[in-house]
Protein backbone atom coordinates (compact mmCIF):
# COMPACT_ATOMS: atom_id res chain seq x y z
CA MET A 1 -122.50 -71.10 81.37
CA PRO A 2 -118.71 -71.61 81.47
CA LEU A 3 -117.15 -74.54 79.65
CA THR A 4 -116.82 -77.79 81.54
CA ALA A 5 -113.49 -79.61 81.81
CA ALA A 6 -114.78 -82.20 79.31
CA GLN A 7 -115.75 -79.48 76.83
CA ARG A 8 -112.33 -77.82 77.15
CA GLN A 9 -110.64 -81.19 76.62
CA TYR A 10 -112.80 -81.79 73.53
CA LEU A 11 -111.95 -78.32 72.18
CA GLU A 12 -108.24 -78.90 72.80
CA ARG A 13 -108.48 -82.05 70.69
CA ARG A 14 -110.35 -80.13 67.97
CA LEU A 15 -107.70 -77.40 67.99
CA GLN A 16 -104.92 -79.98 67.69
CA GLU A 17 -106.75 -81.64 64.77
CA GLU A 18 -107.28 -78.30 63.01
CA ARG A 19 -103.64 -77.40 63.61
CA ALA A 20 -102.48 -80.67 62.04
CA ARG A 21 -104.82 -80.10 59.05
CA ALA A 22 -103.50 -76.56 58.53
CA LEU A 23 -99.89 -77.74 58.72
CA ARG A 24 -100.56 -80.52 56.19
CA THR A 25 -102.15 -78.00 53.84
CA LEU A 26 -99.23 -75.57 54.13
CA ASN A 27 -96.62 -78.30 53.76
CA ARG A 28 -98.38 -79.66 50.67
CA SER A 29 -98.51 -76.17 49.18
CA ILE A 30 -94.81 -75.62 49.86
CA ALA A 31 -93.92 -79.02 48.41
CA ASP A 32 -96.02 -78.43 45.31
CA ASN A 33 -94.41 -75.05 44.68
CA SER A 34 -90.85 -76.18 45.30
CA ASP A 35 -90.90 -79.24 43.03
CA GLY A 36 -89.18 -78.18 39.79
CA THR A 37 -90.04 -75.30 37.56
CA GLU A 38 -93.47 -74.10 36.54
CA GLN A 39 -92.90 -75.90 33.25
CA ASP A 40 -92.24 -79.17 35.10
CA ARG A 41 -95.28 -78.76 37.35
CA THR A 42 -97.69 -78.05 34.52
CA GLY A 43 -96.22 -80.63 32.17
CA ASP A 44 -95.81 -78.05 29.42
CA LEU A 45 -93.34 -78.90 26.70
CA THR A 46 -92.43 -75.27 26.18
CA THR A 47 -92.16 -72.14 28.32
CA VAL A 48 -94.03 -70.16 25.68
CA PRO A 49 -97.79 -70.17 26.34
CA LEU A 50 -99.85 -71.35 23.40
CA HIS A 51 -102.30 -68.60 24.11
CA LEU A 52 -102.29 -65.51 26.31
CA ALA A 53 -105.25 -66.97 28.19
CA ASP A 54 -103.01 -69.87 29.27
CA LEU A 55 -100.59 -67.39 30.82
CA GLY A 56 -103.50 -65.65 32.54
CA THR A 57 -104.81 -68.94 33.89
CA ASP A 58 -101.37 -69.88 35.24
CA THR A 59 -101.06 -66.48 36.92
CA MET A 60 -104.53 -66.73 38.41
CA GLU A 61 -103.82 -70.22 39.79
CA ALA A 62 -100.55 -69.04 41.35
CA GLU A 63 -102.30 -66.07 42.97
CA LEU A 64 -105.08 -68.31 44.26
CA GLU A 65 -102.54 -70.70 45.79
CA ALA A 66 -100.73 -67.80 47.45
CA THR A 67 -104.01 -66.41 48.81
CA ASN A 68 -104.99 -69.81 50.20
CA ALA A 69 -101.57 -70.25 51.81
CA THR A 70 -101.92 -66.83 53.45
CA ARG A 71 -105.39 -67.69 54.74
CA VAL A 72 -104.23 -71.02 56.16
CA SER A 73 -101.19 -69.32 57.75
CA ARG A 74 -103.45 -66.81 59.50
CA GLU A 75 -105.77 -69.61 60.60
CA LEU A 76 -102.78 -71.51 62.00
CA ALA A 77 -101.73 -68.42 63.96
CA GLU A 78 -105.26 -68.12 65.40
CA ILE A 79 -105.24 -71.82 66.34
CA ASP A 80 -101.88 -71.46 68.08
CA ALA A 81 -103.13 -68.38 69.95
CA ALA A 82 -106.25 -70.30 71.02
CA LEU A 83 -104.15 -73.19 72.31
CA GLU A 84 -102.01 -70.73 74.27
CA ARG A 85 -105.14 -69.13 75.79
CA LEU A 86 -106.48 -72.56 76.65
CA TYR A 87 -103.25 -73.64 78.36
CA ARG A 88 -102.53 -70.36 80.18
CA HIS A 89 -106.06 -69.55 81.37
CA PRO A 90 -108.30 -72.60 80.89
CA ASP A 91 -111.12 -71.14 82.98
CA GLN A 92 -111.20 -68.04 80.72
CA PHE A 93 -111.18 -70.00 77.46
CA GLY A 94 -114.45 -69.52 75.60
CA VAL A 95 -115.13 -66.04 76.98
CA CYS A 96 -115.89 -63.39 74.36
CA GLU A 97 -113.12 -60.78 74.12
CA ASP A 98 -115.64 -58.08 73.14
CA THR A 99 -118.48 -58.61 75.61
CA GLY A 100 -117.12 -60.87 78.36
CA ARG A 101 -120.03 -63.28 77.78
CA ASP A 102 -119.53 -66.98 77.25
CA ILE A 103 -119.06 -68.01 73.62
CA PRO A 104 -121.68 -70.66 72.81
CA PHE A 105 -120.17 -74.15 72.76
CA GLU A 106 -121.82 -74.75 69.37
CA ARG A 107 -119.78 -71.87 67.91
CA LEU A 108 -116.58 -73.17 69.51
CA ASP A 109 -117.29 -76.63 68.15
CA ILE A 110 -117.32 -75.19 64.62
CA ILE A 111 -114.55 -72.61 65.12
CA PRO A 112 -112.62 -73.68 68.21
CA TRP A 113 -110.26 -70.69 67.94
CA ALA A 114 -113.14 -68.17 68.04
CA ARG A 115 -112.42 -65.14 70.22
CA THR A 116 -115.86 -63.56 70.07
CA CYS A 117 -119.51 -64.50 70.59
CA ASP A 118 -120.64 -63.98 67.00
CA GLN A 119 -119.31 -63.51 63.50
CA SER A 120 -119.88 -59.75 63.44
CA GLY A 121 -117.01 -59.40 65.92
CA ALA A 122 -115.03 -62.38 64.61
CA ARG A 123 -111.29 -61.95 64.36
């Protein structure tokens, strides 16, 4: 069953909320990484690690932050693409790109930018 106007309006609101959340996350990550040096951010008194494990931990945390920022950036791109689909072709929003079937509203409620009916074809 195609989405009703009320469901599309609800999903638009959800997409806008998710977009705002993603932007806050990215902006916080950028702000955290641009404030001073690594030494300033960690509160270390020296640039020399006390132990090699400390250096490894710092590297791992930096890589994790970069990975999360990449994930959120991709999510933001998917959200923007979903909003564009919703605005350009509202009657086609919520139709699976793989099968042409309607995406269940329950799935769209959880992942409003979903392009497919199930996770096996999720993009």
